[in-house]
Amino acid sequence: MVFIAITTALGTNITNGTTTLGTLTAKQLPKFLSSDPANTEPPWGSNYSAQNSDGYLNAPDTGVVRRYDLTITRGTIAPDGFERQSLLINNAFPGPLIEANWGDTIQVTVNNKITGPEEGTTMHWHGFLHPDSEWEDGVPGISQCPIPPGDSFTYSFKATPHGTTWYHSHFSAQYLEGLWGPLVIYGPETASYDIDLGPVAISDYFHRGYFDILTDVMGTDLLKVRPASDNNLINGKMNYDCSKSTLPGSCTDNAGISKFAFASGKQHRLRLINTGIQAMQKFSIDHHNMTVIANDFVQVEPYVTNIVTLAVGQRTDVIVSANGNPNGTYFMRANITSGQCTEPTDQSLALAAIYYEHADTSLTPTASDSDTQLDTTDPCTNSDLSIAVPAYRIPALEPSTTLHMEVNVTVNSTGHLIWTVNDSAFRTSYNDPLLLLANQGNTSYPYDPQWNVYDVGTNETIRAIIRNLSPTSHPWHLHGHEMQVLSSGDGDWDGSIVNEANPQRRDTQVLPANGHIVVQWNSDNPGVWPFHCHIGWHLSGGLYTNILEQEKKIRAQKIPQASFDNCKTWDAYTVRAVIDQIDAGL
């Protein structure tokens, strides 16, 4: 390993605003939150473990409310040295960490202060169950109306399940502009560790604004429908070669990369999150292996790997043993995979520096190819389903009903590229949230089939067989549930199930290009639940469905008046303002 002195050209206040994420002053996370530093007993007690309790269904009730306030404004930042206007949460990119203990109540007030121009917004809490309370899920036109400019909306939901995730705007492709942040729920674990270094958020990054890119994606020039990202970031930071920029504006080389501290002999937890808009990522650390302890919100039996694959929306928690040189500095790497099955980029590699206790933090490592981990993983899909075994065992049951879905891409009669499920592209109506309509007894859905609603009635176990007829992989995400992943592979499903006694579970799974996945879940959460691709441009093009569960129970739900009042305020706003919805809206 060779070291060179590199002076970071920009301060964090210029690159990322008020956040300390990605700096050596970022706080280490606790094992749980407590008002008493001497307390060693977790609030969920000693009767819960990752092996004997389902983190989705058995949450305790701590009686504690964790309150947060998020204000969204426009501001200027330069995460990789290229200065641009972005949407910021509390003047920071990424947004602030939200944390709670398993069983707490999280209460978040979102203040929409977006101007120049004004935009609606929402906030979605990725992977949360929201049991019998989908109105907290934050999806415009599904669980709520958008929050109008100048207005606020308060979300309140149970901190279940536990683990690592993120929150993001679900309004069009808005989160690309900076509207996302990490979220951690402390709970029982499958392995011990000494230091929790917190979130390691990996994101492809664009220098153009999201609406400008979206105009190309949703246009009729098919050469522009697969935009290439400009860079790849770790915790919102990376250097950029400013000589490559073709856009007007200020650009500074060597803006600075994220930094992490390792202590020799200690076990370090890293919470990996793909918060990007389109890229499949491969994460590694030079000369260090990783022990995986969780995928998405599901604790797994620990296993060792040198590469972690993360599609958009996926999370993996790892433990890394600090067995390197006490004077050493090592690269942390995230690499965007290439090929037709993935999305393009102009800079695939993101770097961050790991400093051991005696390392000179003014030095940045340089490395040859021999320092990088050998990547033999498939560039277009997740690891083999047999590798990750859930710590809490749930067998695959016979389904009560089976959904068959075919994913495809086509050019419609107006020359626009659209993404379809069973030949139908989705489009939301911001003023008509499906959940609120169903609660009032309206499931005729006037804009159906454009709303792509699949009514599973009172069936208890739902199996979805999804066949991908397109040449691109898709990270497929289900709201309000954890999915058992029964099969993933090329072509059609052959009927076999991987580890039928305890199949892998997660809330986001890659649907391979020209392949299939078979997923299954318990229909135990009444609602109209999004089931969709998490690549922003594909979602904008219509690659989205809704799962209507237990319609009669939805009618009986006591949806808070605040949800209906927010719709009244949004309706009044849309009378005086034109909403330029050029995509599916999510």
Foldseek 3Di string as FASTA:
>chain_A
DDWDFDDQPADCCAAWNPDCFLHAPDDWDDLADDPDPVDPAHLQGDPDALQADDLAPDFAASVAEAEEEWEWEWDWHRQAFFIDIFIATVGGFQHDEAEHAGNYKYKYKYAAQYPPPWDFWWKAWAPHQQFQFCLLGTAFQANFFTQGHGGMDMHIGGPTRFAKFKMAINFALRCLRNGMDIYGYNDHFQDDFDIEQEEWEKEFHARDHPVVLLCQLFDQPVVSVQDAGAEMATSSHAHHDVVPDPDDGGGDGNNDHGEAEDEAQGKYKYKYAYQYQFFKKKKAKFPWKKWWQDKASFGWNTDIDGIFIDGHRIIIMIIIHRNDDLQDKIKIWIFTFDDPQGGHYPYGIGIGIYHHPNYDVSIDDDDDPVRGDDDPDDNAFGDDQQPTFGSHFDFDDDWPDEAEWEWDWDQDPVNTIFIDIVPAFAAGDSLNHQLVCLLVVDPVDPPPPNQAEDEPAATFKYKYKYFYAAQYKFWKFKHNWKKFWQDADAAGDPPHGHPRRGTDIHGIGIHGGNIIIMIMTTLNGAGFMKIFTSNSSNVQRGGIHTYGGHSVSSNVRDHDVSSVVSSVVVVVVCVVDPDPRSTSGD
